[in-house]
Every structure is written in structure tokens, then in C-alpha cells.
N, C-alpha and C. Protein backbone atom coordinates (compact mmCIF):
# COMPACT_ATOMS: atom_id res chain seq x y z
N UNK A 1 -55.02 24.93 -7.61
CA UNK A 1 -53.88 25.04 -6.67
C UNK A 1 -54.45 25.48 -5.33
N UNK A 2 -54.09 24.88 -4.20
CA UNK A 2 -54.53 25.30 -2.91
C UNK A 2 -53.90 26.66 -2.51
N UNK A 3 -54.70 27.46 -1.72
CA UNK A 3 -54.16 28.73 -1.26
C UNK A 3 -53.14 28.46 -0.14
N UNK A 4 -52.04 29.18 -0.15
CA UNK A 4 -51.04 29.07 0.87
C UNK A 4 -51.54 29.67 2.19
N UNK A 5 -51.17 29.04 3.33
CA UNK A 5 -51.67 29.52 4.57
C UNK A 5 -50.53 30.10 5.46
N UNK A 6 -50.88 31.02 6.28
CA UNK A 6 -49.94 31.80 7.10
C UNK A 6 -50.31 31.80 8.57
N UNK A 7 -49.27 31.97 9.40
CA UNK A 7 -49.37 32.29 10.78
C UNK A 7 -48.40 33.39 11.04
N UNK A 8 -48.39 33.97 12.22
CA UNK A 8 -47.44 35.03 12.51
C UNK A 8 -46.73 34.78 13.93
N UNK A 9 -45.52 35.14 13.93
CA UNK A 9 -44.69 35.04 15.21
C UNK A 9 -43.93 36.37 15.45
N UNK A 10 -44.13 36.88 16.68
CA UNK A 10 -43.28 37.94 17.13
C UNK A 10 -42.21 37.22 17.91
N UNK A 11 -41.05 37.15 17.33
CA UNK A 11 -40.02 36.27 17.75
C UNK A 11 -38.72 37.07 18.01
N UNK A 12 -37.74 36.42 18.69
CA UNK A 12 -36.49 37.12 18.90
C UNK A 12 -35.68 37.05 17.57
N UNK A 13 -34.74 38.01 17.38
CA UNK A 13 -33.93 38.00 16.23
C UNK A 13 -32.88 36.84 16.26
N UNK A 14 -32.65 36.24 17.42
CA UNK A 14 -31.75 35.14 17.60
C UNK A 14 -32.01 33.95 16.62
N UNK A 15 -31.14 33.66 15.76
CA UNK A 15 -31.28 32.69 14.74
C UNK A 15 -31.63 31.25 15.28
N UNK A 16 -31.21 31.05 16.53
CA UNK A 16 -31.41 29.68 17.10
C UNK A 16 -32.90 29.35 17.32
N UNK A 17 -33.72 30.38 17.43
CA UNK A 17 -35.13 30.16 17.65
C UNK A 17 -36.07 30.20 16.52
N UNK A 18 -35.53 30.56 15.40
CA UNK A 18 -36.37 30.71 14.21
C UNK A 18 -36.98 29.37 13.71
N UNK A 19 -36.14 28.43 13.46
CA UNK A 19 -36.60 27.14 12.97
C UNK A 19 -37.46 26.35 13.85
N UNK A 20 -37.10 26.29 15.19
CA UNK A 20 -38.02 25.55 16.10
C UNK A 20 -39.42 26.20 16.12
N UNK A 21 -39.49 27.46 16.15
CA UNK A 21 -40.84 28.13 16.11
C UNK A 21 -41.58 27.90 14.76
N UNK A 22 -40.85 28.09 13.70
CA UNK A 22 -41.49 27.80 12.37
C UNK A 22 -42.01 26.41 12.26
N UNK A 23 -41.18 25.41 12.64
CA UNK A 23 -41.65 24.02 12.55
C UNK A 23 -42.78 23.72 13.45
N UNK A 24 -42.74 24.24 14.71
CA UNK A 24 -43.81 23.97 15.59
C UNK A 24 -45.16 24.56 15.13
N UNK A 25 -45.10 25.82 14.65
CA UNK A 25 -46.34 26.42 14.19
C UNK A 25 -46.86 25.78 12.94
N UNK A 26 -45.95 25.38 12.01
CA UNK A 26 -46.41 24.64 10.87
C UNK A 26 -47.16 23.33 11.23
N UNK A 27 -46.58 22.64 12.19
CA UNK A 27 -47.12 21.37 12.57
C UNK A 27 -48.44 21.65 13.42
N UNK A 28 -48.44 22.51 14.30
CA UNK A 28 -49.57 22.84 15.17
C UNK A 28 -50.80 23.39 14.47
N UNK A 29 -50.56 24.30 13.51
CA UNK A 29 -51.62 25.03 12.83
C UNK A 29 -51.77 24.63 11.39
N UNK A 30 -50.91 23.71 10.85
CA UNK A 30 -51.08 23.27 9.48
C UNK A 30 -50.81 24.39 8.48
N UNK A 31 -50.02 25.40 8.87
CA UNK A 31 -49.70 26.50 7.98
C UNK A 31 -48.41 26.18 7.21
N UNK A 32 -48.31 26.84 6.03
CA UNK A 32 -47.15 26.63 5.23
C UNK A 32 -46.09 27.71 5.55
N UNK A 33 -46.54 28.94 5.81
CA UNK A 33 -45.62 30.08 6.02
C UNK A 33 -45.82 30.71 7.39
N UNK A 34 -44.72 31.20 7.93
CA UNK A 34 -44.84 31.88 9.24
C UNK A 34 -44.23 33.33 9.01
N UNK A 35 -45.06 34.33 9.02
CA UNK A 35 -44.57 35.69 8.97
C UNK A 35 -43.87 35.93 10.28
N UNK A 36 -42.57 36.38 10.22
CA UNK A 36 -41.75 36.50 11.38
C UNK A 36 -41.50 37.97 11.59
N UNK A 37 -41.88 38.48 12.72
CA UNK A 37 -41.65 39.86 13.22
C UNK A 37 -40.63 39.69 14.27
N UNK A 38 -39.36 40.26 14.04
CA UNK A 38 -38.33 39.99 14.99
C UNK A 38 -37.82 41.24 15.72
N UNK A 39 -37.51 41.01 17.00
CA UNK A 39 -36.84 42.09 17.76
C UNK A 39 -35.91 41.34 18.73
N UNK A 40 -34.86 42.07 19.24
CA UNK A 40 -34.01 41.50 20.25
C UNK A 40 -34.82 41.58 21.52
N UNK A 41 -35.07 40.38 22.20
CA UNK A 41 -35.84 40.38 23.41
C UNK A 41 -37.30 40.84 23.17
N UNK A 42 -38.10 40.13 22.38
CA UNK A 42 -39.36 40.60 21.94
C UNK A 42 -40.37 40.87 23.05
N UNK A 43 -40.39 40.12 24.12
CA UNK A 43 -41.37 40.38 25.18
C UNK A 43 -40.94 41.68 25.92
N UNK A 44 -39.75 41.88 26.19
CA UNK A 44 -39.29 43.16 26.89
C UNK A 44 -39.61 44.33 25.85
N UNK A 45 -39.37 44.10 24.56
CA UNK A 45 -39.62 45.13 23.55
C UNK A 45 -41.16 45.50 23.59
N UNK A 46 -42.00 44.49 23.59
CA UNK A 46 -43.44 44.70 23.59
C UNK A 46 -43.91 45.47 24.81
N UNK A 47 -43.32 45.12 25.93
CA UNK A 47 -43.79 45.74 27.21
C UNK A 47 -43.15 47.05 27.53
N UNK A 48 -42.00 47.38 26.96
CA UNK A 48 -41.29 48.63 27.25
C UNK A 48 -40.88 49.44 26.05
N UNK A 49 -41.15 48.98 24.87
CA UNK A 49 -40.70 49.64 23.69
C UNK A 49 -41.41 50.95 23.46
N UNK A 50 -40.73 51.84 22.71
CA UNK A 50 -41.34 53.14 22.29
C UNK A 50 -42.62 52.98 21.44
N UNK A 51 -43.54 53.84 21.76
CA UNK A 51 -44.78 53.75 21.10
C UNK A 51 -44.69 53.71 19.53
N UNK A 52 -43.84 54.49 18.99
CA UNK A 52 -43.71 54.53 17.49
C UNK A 52 -43.27 53.20 16.94
N UNK A 53 -42.39 52.54 17.69
CA UNK A 53 -41.88 51.17 17.23
C UNK A 53 -42.99 50.17 17.53
N UNK A 54 -43.74 50.25 18.54
CA UNK A 54 -44.85 49.30 18.73
C UNK A 54 -45.89 49.53 17.68
N UNK A 55 -46.08 50.75 17.19
CA UNK A 55 -47.02 50.98 16.06
C UNK A 55 -46.51 50.27 14.83
N UNK A 56 -45.24 50.18 14.62
CA UNK A 56 -44.66 49.57 13.46
C UNK A 56 -45.00 47.99 13.56
N UNK A 57 -44.88 47.46 14.76
CA UNK A 57 -45.24 46.05 14.98
C UNK A 57 -46.71 45.78 14.68
N UNK A 58 -47.54 46.73 15.14
CA UNK A 58 -48.99 46.61 14.83
C UNK A 58 -49.24 46.62 13.33
N UNK A 59 -48.58 47.50 12.60
CA UNK A 59 -48.71 47.52 11.13
C UNK A 59 -48.32 46.16 10.46
N UNK A 60 -47.24 45.58 11.03
CA UNK A 60 -46.79 44.32 10.48
C UNK A 60 -47.78 43.20 10.76
N UNK A 61 -48.27 43.20 11.93
CA UNK A 61 -49.36 42.16 12.28
C UNK A 61 -50.61 42.38 11.32
N UNK A 62 -50.97 43.69 11.14
CA UNK A 62 -52.10 43.95 10.29
C UNK A 62 -51.91 43.45 8.84
N UNK A 63 -50.68 43.61 8.30
CA UNK A 63 -50.38 43.05 6.98
C UNK A 63 -50.47 41.52 6.98
N UNK A 64 -49.92 40.91 8.04
CA UNK A 64 -49.97 39.49 8.10
C UNK A 64 -51.38 38.96 8.15
N UNK A 65 -52.16 39.60 8.97
CA UNK A 65 -53.59 39.19 9.13
C UNK A 65 -54.45 39.56 7.93
N UNK A 66 -54.36 40.84 7.47
CA UNK A 66 -55.26 41.30 6.43
C UNK A 66 -54.76 40.84 4.99
N UNK A 67 -53.59 40.91 4.78
CA UNK A 67 -53.06 40.49 3.35
C UNK A 67 -52.69 38.97 3.25
N UNK A 68 -52.19 38.33 4.32
CA UNK A 68 -51.86 37.00 4.30
C UNK A 68 -52.91 36.03 4.85
N UNK A 69 -53.82 36.56 5.56
CA UNK A 69 -54.85 35.71 6.19
C UNK A 69 -54.42 34.97 7.43
N UNK A 70 -53.34 35.51 8.15
CA UNK A 70 -52.97 34.78 9.32
C UNK A 70 -54.07 34.77 10.34
N UNK A 71 -54.19 33.62 11.01
CA UNK A 71 -55.23 33.45 12.03
C UNK A 71 -54.66 33.32 13.43
N UNK A 72 -53.35 33.33 13.56
CA UNK A 72 -52.76 33.20 14.92
C UNK A 72 -51.49 34.04 14.99
N UNK A 73 -51.32 34.67 16.10
CA UNK A 73 -50.02 35.38 16.37
C UNK A 73 -49.38 34.77 17.65
N UNK A 74 -48.13 34.29 17.47
CA UNK A 74 -47.46 33.77 18.63
C UNK A 74 -46.45 34.75 19.16
N UNK A 75 -46.39 34.99 20.49
CA UNK A 75 -45.41 35.86 21.18
C UNK A 75 -44.40 34.83 21.73
N UNK A 76 -43.10 34.98 21.36
CA UNK A 76 -42.12 34.02 21.68
C UNK A 76 -41.01 34.62 22.58
N UNK A 77 -40.69 33.89 23.61
CA UNK A 77 -39.49 34.17 24.50
C UNK A 77 -38.61 32.94 24.45
N UNK A 78 -37.40 33.07 24.83
CA UNK A 78 -36.50 31.87 24.82
C UNK A 78 -35.42 31.93 25.82
N UNK A 79 -34.87 30.73 25.98
CA UNK A 79 -33.69 30.48 26.85
C UNK A 79 -32.46 31.30 26.32
N UNK A 80 -31.70 31.80 27.24
CA UNK A 80 -30.41 32.43 26.87
C UNK A 80 -30.59 33.58 25.90
N UNK A 81 -31.56 34.39 26.13
CA UNK A 81 -31.82 35.55 25.25
C UNK A 81 -30.86 36.74 25.63
N UNK A 82 -30.11 37.10 24.65
CA UNK A 82 -29.16 38.24 24.95
C UNK A 82 -29.83 39.56 25.02
N UNK A 83 -31.01 39.75 24.41
CA UNK A 83 -31.74 40.98 24.38
C UNK A 83 -32.59 41.10 25.63
N UNK A 84 -32.91 40.07 26.33
CA UNK A 84 -33.64 40.09 27.56
C UNK A 84 -33.32 38.92 28.50
N UNK A 85 -32.11 39.09 29.07
CA UNK A 85 -31.54 37.97 29.89
C UNK A 85 -32.10 37.82 31.26
N UNK A 86 -33.31 37.30 31.32
CA UNK A 86 -33.98 37.04 32.59
C UNK A 86 -34.27 35.49 32.69
N UNK A 87 -34.52 35.03 33.91
CA UNK A 87 -34.85 33.66 34.14
C UNK A 87 -36.16 33.27 33.49
N UNK A 88 -36.38 31.98 33.29
CA UNK A 88 -37.56 31.39 32.69
C UNK A 88 -38.86 31.88 33.24
N UNK A 89 -38.97 31.86 34.59
CA UNK A 89 -40.18 32.26 35.27
C UNK A 89 -40.59 33.77 34.96
N UNK A 90 -39.60 34.58 35.02
CA UNK A 90 -39.85 35.97 34.65
C UNK A 90 -40.27 36.10 33.19
N UNK A 91 -39.45 35.43 32.37
CA UNK A 91 -39.86 35.42 30.91
C UNK A 91 -41.26 34.96 30.64
N UNK A 92 -41.63 33.88 31.33
CA UNK A 92 -43.02 33.39 31.20
C UNK A 92 -44.06 34.41 31.53
N UNK A 93 -43.78 35.18 32.60
CA UNK A 93 -44.68 36.25 33.01
C UNK A 93 -44.78 37.38 31.92
N UNK A 94 -43.54 37.64 31.43
CA UNK A 94 -43.54 38.68 30.32
C UNK A 94 -44.28 38.17 29.07
N UNK A 95 -44.17 36.89 28.77
CA UNK A 95 -44.92 36.31 27.60
C UNK A 95 -46.38 36.48 27.87
N UNK A 96 -46.85 36.09 29.04
CA UNK A 96 -48.34 36.21 29.36
C UNK A 96 -48.79 37.67 29.23
N UNK A 97 -47.97 38.62 29.77
CA UNK A 97 -48.31 40.05 29.61
C UNK A 97 -48.35 40.55 28.23
N UNK A 98 -47.39 40.00 27.45
CA UNK A 98 -47.35 40.43 26.04
C UNK A 98 -48.45 39.88 25.26
N UNK A 99 -48.89 38.63 25.55
CA UNK A 99 -50.10 38.03 24.87
C UNK A 99 -51.27 38.99 25.20
N UNK A 100 -51.49 39.36 26.45
CA UNK A 100 -52.62 40.27 26.79
C UNK A 100 -52.53 41.54 26.10
N UNK A 101 -51.36 42.10 25.96
CA UNK A 101 -51.20 43.33 25.25
C UNK A 101 -51.58 43.21 23.79
N UNK A 102 -51.04 42.26 23.13
CA UNK A 102 -51.36 42.06 21.68
C UNK A 102 -52.84 41.72 21.50
N UNK A 103 -53.48 40.97 22.36
CA UNK A 103 -54.90 40.76 22.35
C UNK A 103 -55.66 42.10 22.40
N UNK A 104 -55.17 43.01 23.23
CA UNK A 104 -55.86 44.27 23.43
C UNK A 104 -55.81 45.17 22.20
N UNK A 105 -54.95 44.81 21.23
CA UNK A 105 -54.88 45.58 20.05
C UNK A 105 -56.08 45.34 19.09
N UNK A 106 -56.80 44.25 19.38
CA UNK A 106 -58.10 44.14 18.62
C UNK A 106 -58.05 43.34 17.36
N UNK A 107 -56.93 42.65 17.05
CA UNK A 107 -56.88 41.81 15.89
C UNK A 107 -57.74 40.55 16.08
N UNK A 108 -58.48 40.14 15.09
CA UNK A 108 -59.42 39.08 15.15
C UNK A 108 -58.64 37.72 14.87
N UNK A 109 -57.73 37.42 15.82
CA UNK A 109 -56.84 36.24 15.66
C UNK A 109 -56.65 35.66 17.02
N UNK A 110 -56.25 34.40 17.06
CA UNK A 110 -55.77 33.83 18.32
C UNK A 110 -54.34 34.35 18.63
N UNK A 111 -54.08 34.71 19.89
CA UNK A 111 -52.83 35.08 20.30
C UNK A 111 -52.27 34.12 21.40
N UNK A 112 -51.14 33.55 21.11
CA UNK A 112 -50.62 32.54 21.98
C UNK A 112 -49.23 32.93 22.47
N UNK A 113 -48.76 32.30 23.57
CA UNK A 113 -47.36 32.55 24.07
C UNK A 113 -46.63 31.29 24.06
N UNK A 114 -45.30 31.43 23.59
CA UNK A 114 -44.47 30.27 23.41
C UNK A 114 -43.15 30.55 24.11
N UNK A 115 -42.48 29.54 24.57
CA UNK A 115 -41.15 29.61 25.20
C UNK A 115 -40.28 28.56 24.50
N UNK A 116 -39.11 28.97 23.96
CA UNK A 116 -38.15 27.92 23.44
C UNK A 116 -37.10 27.71 24.52
N UNK A 117 -37.09 26.43 24.99
CA UNK A 117 -36.24 26.06 26.10
C UNK A 117 -34.82 25.76 25.76
N UNK A 118 -34.03 25.35 26.71
CA UNK A 118 -32.63 25.11 26.53
C UNK A 118 -32.28 23.95 25.58
N UNK A 119 -33.27 23.16 25.21
CA UNK A 119 -33.17 22.11 24.24
C UNK A 119 -33.68 22.50 22.91
N UNK A 120 -33.99 23.84 22.73
CA UNK A 120 -34.56 24.44 21.57
C UNK A 120 -35.86 23.75 21.11
N UNK A 121 -36.59 23.39 22.18
CA UNK A 121 -37.99 22.86 22.01
C UNK A 121 -38.96 23.87 22.35
N UNK A 122 -40.12 23.93 21.68
CA UNK A 122 -41.18 24.92 21.93
C UNK A 122 -42.13 24.41 23.04
N UNK A 123 -42.34 25.29 23.96
CA UNK A 123 -43.33 24.98 25.10
C UNK A 123 -44.47 26.04 24.99
N UNK A 124 -45.66 25.65 25.23
CA UNK A 124 -46.80 26.60 25.20
C UNK A 124 -46.91 27.23 26.63
N UNK A 125 -46.90 28.50 26.61
CA UNK A 125 -47.09 29.22 27.92
C UNK A 125 -48.55 29.61 28.05
N UNK A 126 -49.16 30.18 27.01
CA UNK A 126 -50.58 30.49 26.98
C UNK A 126 -51.13 30.12 25.62
N UNK A 127 -52.37 29.87 25.63
CA UNK A 127 -53.06 29.53 24.33
C UNK A 127 -53.18 28.07 24.15
């Protein structure tokens, strides 16, 4: 039996963006499972969140990478986000900053930025 493969997404808790991100990552990376770390407005959370809560996110990434063998972490922002209601251009900037932040944490994985648009389609911001 083949080993199951994983990727990781730091995504919004908004249920509208879960499946588009899961399907996109499965297709793009050939992974079966996506470990989902969710927050309301994840890019704002990563950039402004309390250090203890960011430490919890780091722990979850570590579990995904170390125990599940995830090779990629996606940072996701989306259209019409209640937790971070800013325009697309500002959100894209936050996604890029969040990607740089997560890269600085030293995990040996690719870190990419994604944006889910008003058609619930995934767009690559970085990576």
C-alpha cells in the first residue's frame, strides 16, 4: 500500500474557502490530505497575533511536517473575509509578508501564498 501524502494550509476558518484550497493543493502537489490550520483572517493573525498563539501555529506546522511529512505550507487569504476585511491588494501584501514570516521559522518546506477570489478560485500570490 502506498504511503499517504500531506500538505499544509494556514487558512481562514470560513467554510467557503476550505474545499477550493484542498482541491487546488491536491491537484497541484499530488497530495491526498491537507492539514488545515485555521484562524479568522489568517494573514492578519500571523502578522499581528499574540506570540503564544503564534507558537501554537508553529507547533501545528511542526506536527504536519515532522509526523505527516508535509513538504509545503500554503498561507491563504480570501475575498470577503470577515476576520480581515481588507481589499485584495492589501490582502496580497499581507499574504507575501506572512509567507516571509513562516519561511523565517526555519521549516524545511516550500511556503507559498494563495488567494481565493470572488469566484472561489485559487490564485497563486507567491511560490
